Protein backbone atom coordinates (compact mmCIF):
# COMPACT_ATOMS: atom_id res chain seq x y z
CA UNK A 1 0.08 0.28 -0.09
CA UNK A 2 1.37 3.42 -1.10
CA UNK A 3 2.36 6.04 1.57
CA UNK A 4 -0.40 8.63 1.89
CA UNK A 5 1.44 11.92 1.44
CA UNK A 6 0.98 15.61 2.17
CA UNK A 7 1.87 18.56 -0.67
CA UNK A 8 3.42 21.41 1.09
CA UNK A 9 0.47 23.51 1.01
CA UNK A 10 -1.54 20.94 2.54
CA UNK A 11 0.85 20.89 5.73
CA UNK A 12 0.91 24.36 5.71
CA UNK A 13 -2.84 24.35 6.26
CA UNK A 14 -2.72 21.42 9.04
CA UNK A 15 -0.33 23.23 10.92
CA UNK A 16 -2.01 26.64 10.58
CA UNK A 17 -5.30 24.73 11.68
CA UNK A 18 -3.32 22.73 14.72
CA UNK A 19 -2.06 26.38 15.67
CA UNK A 20 -5.52 27.81 15.93
CA UNK A 21 -6.89 24.87 17.70
CA UNK A 22 -4.04 24.56 20.13
CA UNK A 23 -5.14 28.19 20.98
CA UNK A 24 -8.68 26.94 21.99
CA UNK A 25 -7.01 24.14 24.21
CA UNK A 26 -4.62 26.45 25.91
CA UNK A 27 -7.14 28.88 27.02
CA UNK A 28 -9.07 26.13 28.37
CA UNK A 29 -6.28 24.48 30.22
CA UNK A 30 -5.02 27.96 31.25
CA UNK A 31 -8.67 28.42 33.35
CA UNK A 32 -8.62 24.99 34.69
CA UNK A 33 -4.64 25.41 36.19
CA UNK A 34 -5.02 28.84 36.70
CA UNK A 35 -1.50 29.39 34.97
CA UNK A 36 -0.24 31.12 31.88
CA UNK A 37 0.28 28.24 29.09
CA UNK A 38 3.29 28.13 26.59
CA UNK A 39 2.49 26.68 23.35
CA UNK A 40 4.87 24.80 20.91
CA UNK A 41 4.72 24.87 17.20
CA UNK A 42 2.90 21.69 15.81
CA UNK A 43 4.78 19.37 14.12
CA UNK A 44 3.74 16.62 11.57
CA UNK A 45 5.63 13.63 10.58
CA UNK A 46 4.58 10.44 8.68
CA UNK A 47 5.86 7.23 10.12
CA UNK A 48 5.53 3.25 9.64
CA UNK A 49 3.55 2.51 13.18
CA UNK A 50 6.84 0.45 14.16
CA UNK A 51 8.80 3.89 14.06
CA UNK A 52 6.09 5.57 15.83
CA UNK A 53 7.78 4.91 19.45
CA UNK A 54 11.38 6.24 18.56
CA UNK A 55 9.36 8.98 16.33
CA UNK A 56 7.67 10.67 19.58
CA UNK A 57 10.76 9.65 21.77
CA UNK A 58 12.71 12.10 19.78
CA UNK A 59 9.65 14.71 19.14
CA UNK A 60 8.86 14.74 22.83
CA UNK A 61 12.30 14.38 24.50
CA UNK A 62 11.29 12.03 26.95
CA UNK A 63 13.94 9.50 27.63
CA UNK A 64 12.76 8.10 30.79
CA UNK A 65 8.95 6.41 31.97
CA UNK A 66 5.89 8.41 30.71
CA UNK A 67 2.38 8.56 31.96
CA UNK A 68 -0.15 8.30 28.95
CA UNK A 69 -3.73 8.97 28.33
CA UNK A 70 -5.40 7.22 24.92
CA UNK A 71 -8.94 8.84 23.62
CA UNK A 72 -10.28 7.33 20.33
CA UNK A 73 -12.26 9.67 17.96
CA UNK A 74 -14.31 9.28 14.78
CA UNK A 75 -15.79 10.62 11.86
CA UNK A 76 -14.62 9.84 8.44
CA UNK A 77 -11.57 10.81 9.63
CA UNK A 78 -10.58 8.64 12.59
CA UNK A 79 -7.80 7.91 14.84
CA UNK A 80 -6.51 7.89 18.37
CA UNK A 81 -5.22 11.10 20.23
CA UNK A 82 -2.63 10.32 23.21
CA UNK A 83 -1.71 12.66 25.80
CA UNK A 84 1.52 12.24 27.18
CA UNK A 85 4.27 13.51 29.73
CA UNK A 86 6.61 12.20 32.47
CA UNK A 87 6.13 9.76 35.18
CA UNK A 88 6.49 12.68 37.47
CA UNK A 89 4.92 15.26 36.18
CA UNK A 90 1.27 14.59 37.03
CA UNK A 91 2.29 14.75 40.97
CA UNK A 92 3.77 18.03 40.06
CA UNK A 93 0.91 19.09 38.31
CA UNK A 94 -1.49 17.79 41.13
CA UNK A 95 0.60 19.70 43.94
CA UNK A 96 0.20 22.91 42.05
CA UNK A 97 -3.56 22.75 41.93
CA UNK A 98 -4.20 21.74 45.83
CA UNK A 99 -1.75 24.00 46.86
CA UNK A 100 -4.15 26.12 49.13
CA UNK A 101 -2.56 29.59 47.95
CA UNK A 102 -3.31 28.75 44.50
CA UNK A 103 -6.65 30.24 43.00
CA UNK A 104 -8.17 26.97 41.51
CA UNK A 105 -11.19 25.90 41.79
CA UNK A 106 -10.23 22.34 42.73
CA UNK A 107 -9.55 21.75 46.76
CA UNK A 108 -8.09 18.32 46.37
CA UNK A 109 -8.14 16.30 43.39
CA UNK A 110 -6.27 12.53 42.81
CA UNK A 111 -3.42 11.95 40.21
CA UNK A 112 -5.58 9.76 38.13
CA UNK A 113 -8.37 12.02 37.99
CA UNK A 114 -6.37 15.05 36.85
CA UNK A 115 -4.43 13.15 34.51
CA UNK A 116 -8.02 12.17 32.86
CA UNK A 117 -9.38 16.05 32.95
CA UNK A 118 -6.09 17.31 31.49
CA UNK A 119 -6.31 14.90 28.88
CA UNK A 120 -10.20 15.50 27.82
CA UNK A 121 -9.54 18.97 27.70
CA UNK A 122 -6.56 18.99 25.49
CA UNK A 123 -8.27 16.31 23.30
CA UNK A 124 -12.05 17.61 23.17
CA UNK A 125 -10.38 21.21 22.43
CA UNK A 126 -7.69 20.36 20.37
CA UNK A 127 -8.85 17.56 17.94
CA UNK A 128 -12.57 18.91 17.88
CA UNK A 129 -11.25 22.19 16.52
CA UNK A 130 -8.86 20.51 14.17
CA UNK A 131 -11.64 18.44 12.72
CA UNK A 132 -14.29 21.01 12.94
CA UNK A 133 -12.40 23.44 10.81
CA UNK A 134 -12.22 20.30 8.24
CA UNK A 135 -16.34 20.22 8.22
CA UNK A 136 -16.24 17.19 10.30
CA UNK A 137 -18.01 16.87 13.79
CA UNK A 138 -15.99 14.04 15.94
CA UNK A 139 -17.39 11.66 18.20
CA UNK A 140 -14.92 10.68 21.10
CA UNK A 141 -14.67 7.45 23.03
CA UNK A 142 -14.14 7.88 26.77
CA UNK A 143 -10.24 8.57 27.87
CA UNK A 144 -8.59 5.72 29.57
CA UNK A 145 -5.35 5.43 31.26
CA UNK A 146 -2.83 3.60 29.37
CA UNK A 147 -0.10 3.54 32.29
CA UNK A 148 1.79 5.88 34.47
CA UNK A 149 5.61 4.46 34.20
CA UNK A 150 5.44 3.18 30.59
CA UNK A 151 7.95 3.50 28.18
CA UNK A 152 7.16 4.37 24.59
CA UNK A 153 7.88 0.56 23.03
CA UNK A 154 5.39 -0.02 25.63
CA UNK A 155 2.58 2.29 24.58
CA UNK A 156 3.34 1.11 20.79
CA UNK A 157 3.90 -2.16 21.50
CA UNK A 158 2.99 -4.51 18.77
CA UNK A 159 -0.72 -5.35 17.83
CA UNK A 160 -1.67 -2.11 19.77
CA UNK A 161 -2.49 -0.41 16.51
CA UNK A 162 -3.83 -2.38 13.06
CA UNK A 163 -1.97 0.04 11.23
CA UNK A 164 1.23 -0.09 8.64
CA UNK A 165 1.64 3.80 8.73
CA UNK A 166 0.45 6.66 10.45
CA UNK A 167 0.44 10.47 10.71
CA UNK A 168 1.69 11.93 13.83
CA UNK A 169 0.57 15.48 14.65
CA UNK A 170 2.60 16.50 18.34
CA UNK A 171 1.67 19.50 19.87
CA UNK A 172 2.82 20.32 23.46
CA UNK A 173 1.92 22.96 26.39
CA UNK A 174 4.09 23.83 29.14
CA UNK A 175 2.93 25.89 32.45
CA UNK A 176 5.06 29.07 32.60
CA UNK A 177 7.76 28.83 35.75
CA UNK A 178 6.87 25.13 35.76
CA UNK A 179 8.53 22.30 34.58
CA UNK A 180 5.73 20.53 33.66
CA UNK A 181 4.81 19.44 30.15
CA UNK A 182 2.33 17.71 28.18
CA UNK A 183 2.24 16.32 24.99
CA UNK A 184 -1.04 15.73 22.41
CA UNK A 185 -0.35 13.39 19.58
CA UNK A 186 -3.16 12.87 17.32
CA UNK A 187 -2.15 9.39 15.40
CA UNK A 188 -4.49 8.81 12.08
CA UNK A 189 -4.08 5.73 9.81
CA UNK A 190 -4.07 5.40 6.03
CA UNK A 191 -7.23 5.93 5.04
CA UNK A 192 -8.29 8.64 7.51
CA UNK A 193 -5.11 10.35 6.18
CA UNK A 194 -6.46 10.15 2.49
CA UNK A 195 -9.63 11.86 3.91
CA UNK A 196 -7.72 14.68 5.84
CA UNK A 197 -5.96 15.25 2.22
CA UNK A 198 -9.50 15.55 0.69
CA UNK A 199 -10.70 17.61 3.38
CA UNK A 200 -7.45 19.93 3.13
CA UNK A 201 -7.59 20.46 -0.51
CA UNK A 202 -11.45 21.53 0.09
CA UNK A 203 -10.39 24.16 2.74
CA UNK A 204 -7.55 25.25 0.51
CA UNK A 205 -9.77 25.79 -2.48
CA UNK A 206 -12.21 27.86 -0.77
CA UNK A 207 -9.63 30.54 0.23
């Protein structure tokens, strides 16, 4: 099966769409955590699924263990969204929102609940915004915790994704003056990438 490819115009359009989606997600995350959010530039890469672990290790800079939440989305463009952070990151974030001096609406919160809340917010805002700009309304599955001390190889163990090649769209969010950083990764398989190609062409032709 040939690799679905993006033209330079399609890639630029997808990155611009992702930028707009990140802004929406960052606004919601800032309200949740009562902190200014620093945003990365979206990165798009086509990889063989067997190379996804290595590619994301390079893209995120995470060599140690990580926590990961997985959430599926579907329209004619469907895939998986992963929210990833270093294993110690959620404890740091939990301490921040439980700080009695913080202006957070949370009085006390568990690490699992906070990870799922952050993941659900990022996936919902980012993925919804990207697909809505392409004229789609996604349906989401409930987020699920993959694990708290995983390696990328364990996240992408054989059989998890029944695809040959996948599109990786990675963006990340950091809290100003804190070490916490979360990475949102969208993975889409060949058929959905072709649908995205068509949607990007339709968007570009309407400009």
